[in-house]
C-alpha atoms as a PDB file:
ATOM      1  CA  MET A   1      -1.652  17.296  -9.542  1.00  0.00           C
ATOM      2  CA  THR A   2      -4.466  17.151  -7.302  1.00  0.00           C
ATOM      3  CA  VAL A   3      -5.670  14.258  -5.399  1.00  0.00           C
ATOM      4  CA  PRO A   4      -8.789  15.406  -7.434  1.00  0.00           C
ATOM      5  CA  ASP A   5      -7.421  15.586 -10.560  1.00  0.00           C
ATOM      6  CA  ILE A   6      -5.370  12.369 -10.056  1.00  0.00           C
ATOM      7  CA  ILE A   7      -8.681  10.921  -9.514  1.00  0.00           C
ATOM      8  CA  THR A   8     -10.606  11.475 -12.431  1.00  0.00           C
ATOM      9  CA  GLU A   9      -7.692  11.071 -14.633  1.00  0.00           C
ATOM     10  CA  LEU A  10      -7.846   7.217 -13.545  1.00  0.00           C
ATOM     11  CA  SER A  11     -11.958   7.117 -13.415  1.00  0.00           C
ATOM     12  CA  ARG A  12     -11.079   8.109 -17.106  1.00  0.00           C
ATOM     13  CA  ASN A  13     -10.024   5.050 -17.899  1.00  0.00           C
ATOM     14  CA  PRO A  14     -12.309   1.948 -17.775  1.00  0.00           C
ATOM     15  CA  LEU A  15     -10.228  -0.580 -17.185  1.00  0.00           C
ATOM     16  CA  THR A  16      -8.633   0.827 -14.251  1.00  0.00           C
ATOM     17  CA  ASP A  17     -10.025  -1.144 -10.994  1.00  0.00           C
ATOM     18  CA  GLY A  18      -6.995   0.495  -8.435  1.00  0.00           C
ATOM     19  CA  MET A  19      -4.718   2.759  -7.468  1.00  0.00           C
ATOM     20  CA  THR A  20      -0.688   1.110  -6.431  1.00  0.00           C
ATOM     21  CA  ILE A  21       1.167   3.521  -4.279  1.00  0.00           C
ATOM     22  CA  SER A  22       4.932   3.609  -4.468  1.00  0.00           C
ATOM     23  CA  GLY A  23       8.661   5.186  -5.516  1.00  0.00           C
ATOM     24  CA  GLY A  24      10.174   7.245  -2.296  1.00  0.00           C
ATOM     25  CA  GLU A  25       8.234   6.227   0.003  1.00  0.00           C
ATOM     26  CA  PRO A  26       4.910   6.531   0.796  1.00  0.00           C
ATOM     27  CA  PHE A  27       4.321   6.240   4.835  1.00  0.00           C
ATOM     28  CA  TYR A  28       7.317   9.502   5.150  1.00  0.00           C
ATOM     29  CA  GLN A  29       4.298  11.067   2.588  1.00  0.00           C
ATOM     30  CA  ALA A  30       1.253   9.844   4.968  1.00  0.00           C
ATOM     31  CA  ALA A  31      -0.498  12.468   5.043  1.00  0.00           C
ATOM     32  CA  GLY A  32      -0.764  13.515   1.560  1.00  0.00           C
ATOM     33  CA  CYS A  33      -1.314  10.137   0.606  1.00  0.00           C
ATOM     34  CA  VAL A  34      -4.271   9.768   2.874  1.00  0.00           C
ATOM     35  CA  GLN A  35      -5.985  12.001   0.581  1.00  0.00           C
ATOM     36  CA  LEU A  36      -5.070  10.558  -2.735  1.00  0.00           C
ATOM     37  CA  ALA A  37      -6.357   6.505  -1.441  1.00  0.00           C
ATOM     38  CA  ALA A  38      -9.727   7.952   0.599  1.00  0.00           C
ATOM     39  CA  ALA A  39      -9.949   9.606  -2.737  1.00  0.00           C
ATOM     40  CA  ALA A  40      -9.911   6.343  -4.213  1.00  0.00           C
ATOM     41  CA  ARG A  41     -11.087   3.928  -2.112  1.00  0.00           C
ATOM     42  CA  HIS A  42     -14.490   6.793  -2.357  1.00  0.00           C
ATOM     43  CA  SER A  43     -13.977   6.025  -6.588  1.00  0.00           C
ATOM     44  CA  GLY A  44     -14.794   2.436  -5.765  1.00  0.00           C
ATOM     45  CA  LEU A  45     -11.083   1.854  -6.931  1.00  0.00           C
ATOM     46  CA  SER A  46      -8.800  -0.405  -4.832  1.00  0.00           C
ATOM     47  CA  VAL A  47      -5.396   0.634  -2.599  1.00  0.00           C
ATOM     48  CA  TRP A  48      -2.263  -0.705  -3.733  1.00  0.00           C
ATOM     49  CA  VAL A  49       0.963   0.270  -1.296  1.00  0.00           C
ATOM     50  CA  TYR A  50       5.078  -0.309  -1.690  1.00  0.00           C
ATOM     51  CA  THR A  51       6.926   0.059   1.338  1.00  0.00           C
ATOM     52  CA  GLY A  52      10.529  -0.632   2.079  1.00  0.00           C
ATOM     53  CA  TYR A  53       9.109  -0.837   6.127  1.00  0.00           C
ATOM     54  CA  THR A  54       7.575  -4.134   7.492  1.00  0.00           C
ATOM     55  CA  TYR A  55       3.964  -4.186   8.588  1.00  0.00           C
ATOM     56  CA  GLU A  56       5.466  -5.062  12.142  1.00  0.00           C
ATOM     57  CA  GLU A  57       8.206  -1.116  11.381  1.00  0.00           C
ATOM     58  CA  LEU A  58       4.799   0.366  10.200  1.00  0.00           C
ATOM     59  CA  ALA A  59       2.497  -0.595  12.889  1.00  0.00           C
ATOM     60  CA  ALA A  60       4.739  -0.069  15.883  1.00  0.00           C
ATOM     61  CA  LEU A  61       5.071   3.731  13.917  1.00  0.00           C
ATOM     62  CA  SER A  62       1.468   4.102  13.504  1.00  0.00           C
ATOM     63  CA  ILE A  63       1.121   4.766  17.332  1.00  0.00           C
ATOM     64  CA  GLU A  64       3.261   7.510  17.081  1.00  0.00           C
ATOM     65  CA  LYS A  65       1.851   8.710  13.678  1.00  0.00           C
ATOM     66  CA  PRO A  66      -1.566   9.064  13.044  1.00  0.00           C
ATOM     67  CA  ASP A  67      -1.191   9.493   9.468  1.00  0.00           C
ATOM     68  CA  VAL A  68       0.126   6.441   9.449  1.00  0.00           C
ATOM     69  CA  ALA A  69      -2.309   5.010  11.519  1.00  0.00           C
ATOM     70  CA  GLU A  70      -4.875   5.839   8.879  1.00  0.00           C
ATOM     71  CA  MET A  71      -2.949   4.694   5.212  1.00  0.00           C
ATOM     72  CA  LEU A  72      -2.871   1.659   7.223  1.00  0.00           C
ATOM     73  CA  GLY A  73      -6.698   1.508   7.769  1.00  0.00           C
ATOM     74  CA  LEU A  74      -6.862   2.774   3.892  1.00  0.00           C
ATOM     75  CA  ILE A  75      -4.826  -0.103   1.835  1.00  0.00           C
ATOM     76  CA  ASP A  76      -6.287  -3.396   0.482  1.00  0.00           C
ATOM     77  CA  VAL A  77      -3.357  -4.779  -0.652  1.00  0.00           C
ATOM     78  CA  LEU A  78       0.139  -4.040   1.820  1.00  0.00           C
ATOM     79  CA  VAL A  79       3.867  -4.852   0.039  1.00  0.00           C
ATOM     80  CA  ASP A  80       5.900  -4.668   2.531  1.00  0.00           C
ATOM     81  CA  GLY A  81      10.185  -4.958   3.021  1.00  0.00           C
ATOM     82  CA  ARG A  82      13.102  -3.466   1.723  1.00  0.00           C
ATOM     83  CA  PHE A  83      13.781  -4.827  -1.895  1.00  0.00           C
ATOM     84  CA  VAL A  84      16.979  -7.059  -1.919  1.00  0.00           C
ATOM     85  CA  LEU A  85      19.508  -7.157  -4.532  1.00  0.00           C
ATOM     86  CA  ALA A  86      21.113 -10.587  -2.768  1.00  0.00           C
ATOM     87  CA  GLU A  87      17.072 -12.372  -3.025  1.00  0.00           C
ATOM     88  CA  ARG A  88      16.105 -10.691  -5.892  1.00  0.00           C
ATOM     89  CA  SER A  89      13.511 -12.919  -9.073  1.00  0.00           C
ATOM     90  CA  LEU A  90      12.387 -12.386 -11.101  1.00  0.00           C
ATOM     91  CA  SER A  91       9.289 -15.824 -10.497  1.00  0.00           C
ATOM     92  CA  LEU A  92       7.320 -13.330  -7.871  1.00  0.00           C
ATOM     93  CA  LYS A  93       4.470 -11.879  -8.615  1.00  0.00           C
ATOM     94  CA  TRP A  94       4.454  -8.150  -7.986  1.00  0.00           C
ATOM     95  CA  ARG A  95       7.419  -7.933  -5.012  1.00  0.00           C
ATOM     96  CA  GLY A  96      10.948  -8.551  -6.340  1.00  0.00           C
ATOM     97  CA  SER A  97      13.146 -10.061  -3.586  1.00  0.00           C
ATOM     98  CA  LEU A  98      12.249 -13.517  -1.599  1.00  0.00           C
ATOM     99  CA  ASN A  99      11.861 -11.639   1.496  1.00  0.00           C
ATOM    100  CA  GLN A 100       8.864  -8.866   0.286  1.00  0.00           C
ATOM    101  CA  ARG A 101       5.381  -9.930   1.895  1.00  0.00           C
ATOM    102  CA  VAL A 102       2.325  -9.217  -0.077  1.00  0.00           C
ATOM    103  CA  LEU A 103      -0.327  -8.623   2.391  1.00  0.00           C
ATOM    104  CA  ASP A 104      -3.819  -8.889   2.421  1.00  0.00           C
ATOM    105  CA  MET A 105      -4.629  -5.988   4.589  1.00  0.00           C
ATOM    106  CA  HIS A 106      -8.461  -5.829   4.977  1.00  0.00           C
ATOM    107  CA  ALA A 107      -6.852  -9.948   6.747  1.00  0.00           C
ATOM    108  CA  THR A 108      -4.098  -8.902   8.607  1.00  0.00           C
ATOM    109  CA  ARG A 109      -6.358  -5.947  10.149  1.00  0.00           C
ATOM    110  CA  ALA A 110      -9.098  -8.634  11.424  1.00  0.00           C
ATOM    111  CA  ALA A 111      -6.882 -11.126  12.752  1.00  0.00           C
ATOM    112  CA  GLY A 112      -4.510  -7.424  14.209  1.00  0.00           C
ATOM    113  CA  ARG A 113      -1.509  -9.467  12.514  1.00  0.00           C
ATOM    114  CA  ALA A 114       0.601  -9.454   8.761  1.00  0.00           C
ATOM    115  CA  VAL A 115      -1.489 -11.813   7.188  1.00  0.00           C
ATOM    116  CA  GLU A 116       0.090 -12.565   2.970  1.00  0.00           C
ATOM    117  CA  LEU A 117      -2.273 -12.549   0.758  1.00  0.00           C
ATOM    118  CA  GLU A 118      -3.565 -15.896  -1.658  1.00  0.00           C
ATOM    119  CA  VAL A 119      -1.831 -15.669  -4.218  1.00  0.00           C
END
């Protein structure tokens, strides 16, 4: 599917208010994900991204990779960190293991450091 096709499909459902990008590693294909996230934001949708990287790793990577920096600028919520089976918990909201964080990217960008979403 093309990016416009995906956005059109999402727009058809009146209950949809956002998009989640996950599966594989979104930051391995940041250029394509930037197009998707930008189109979603332009359509008024929120953007959540799940990554195995930590925010700090992505911030360091963004110095050399402009697509990563641009993607970080488009995200509303970033769920970061690798899933660790030994830290798995079914009681967590929006994440699978205790080491993962749910970051408010608006607050993170303003503070210049990772800020967890108030759940």
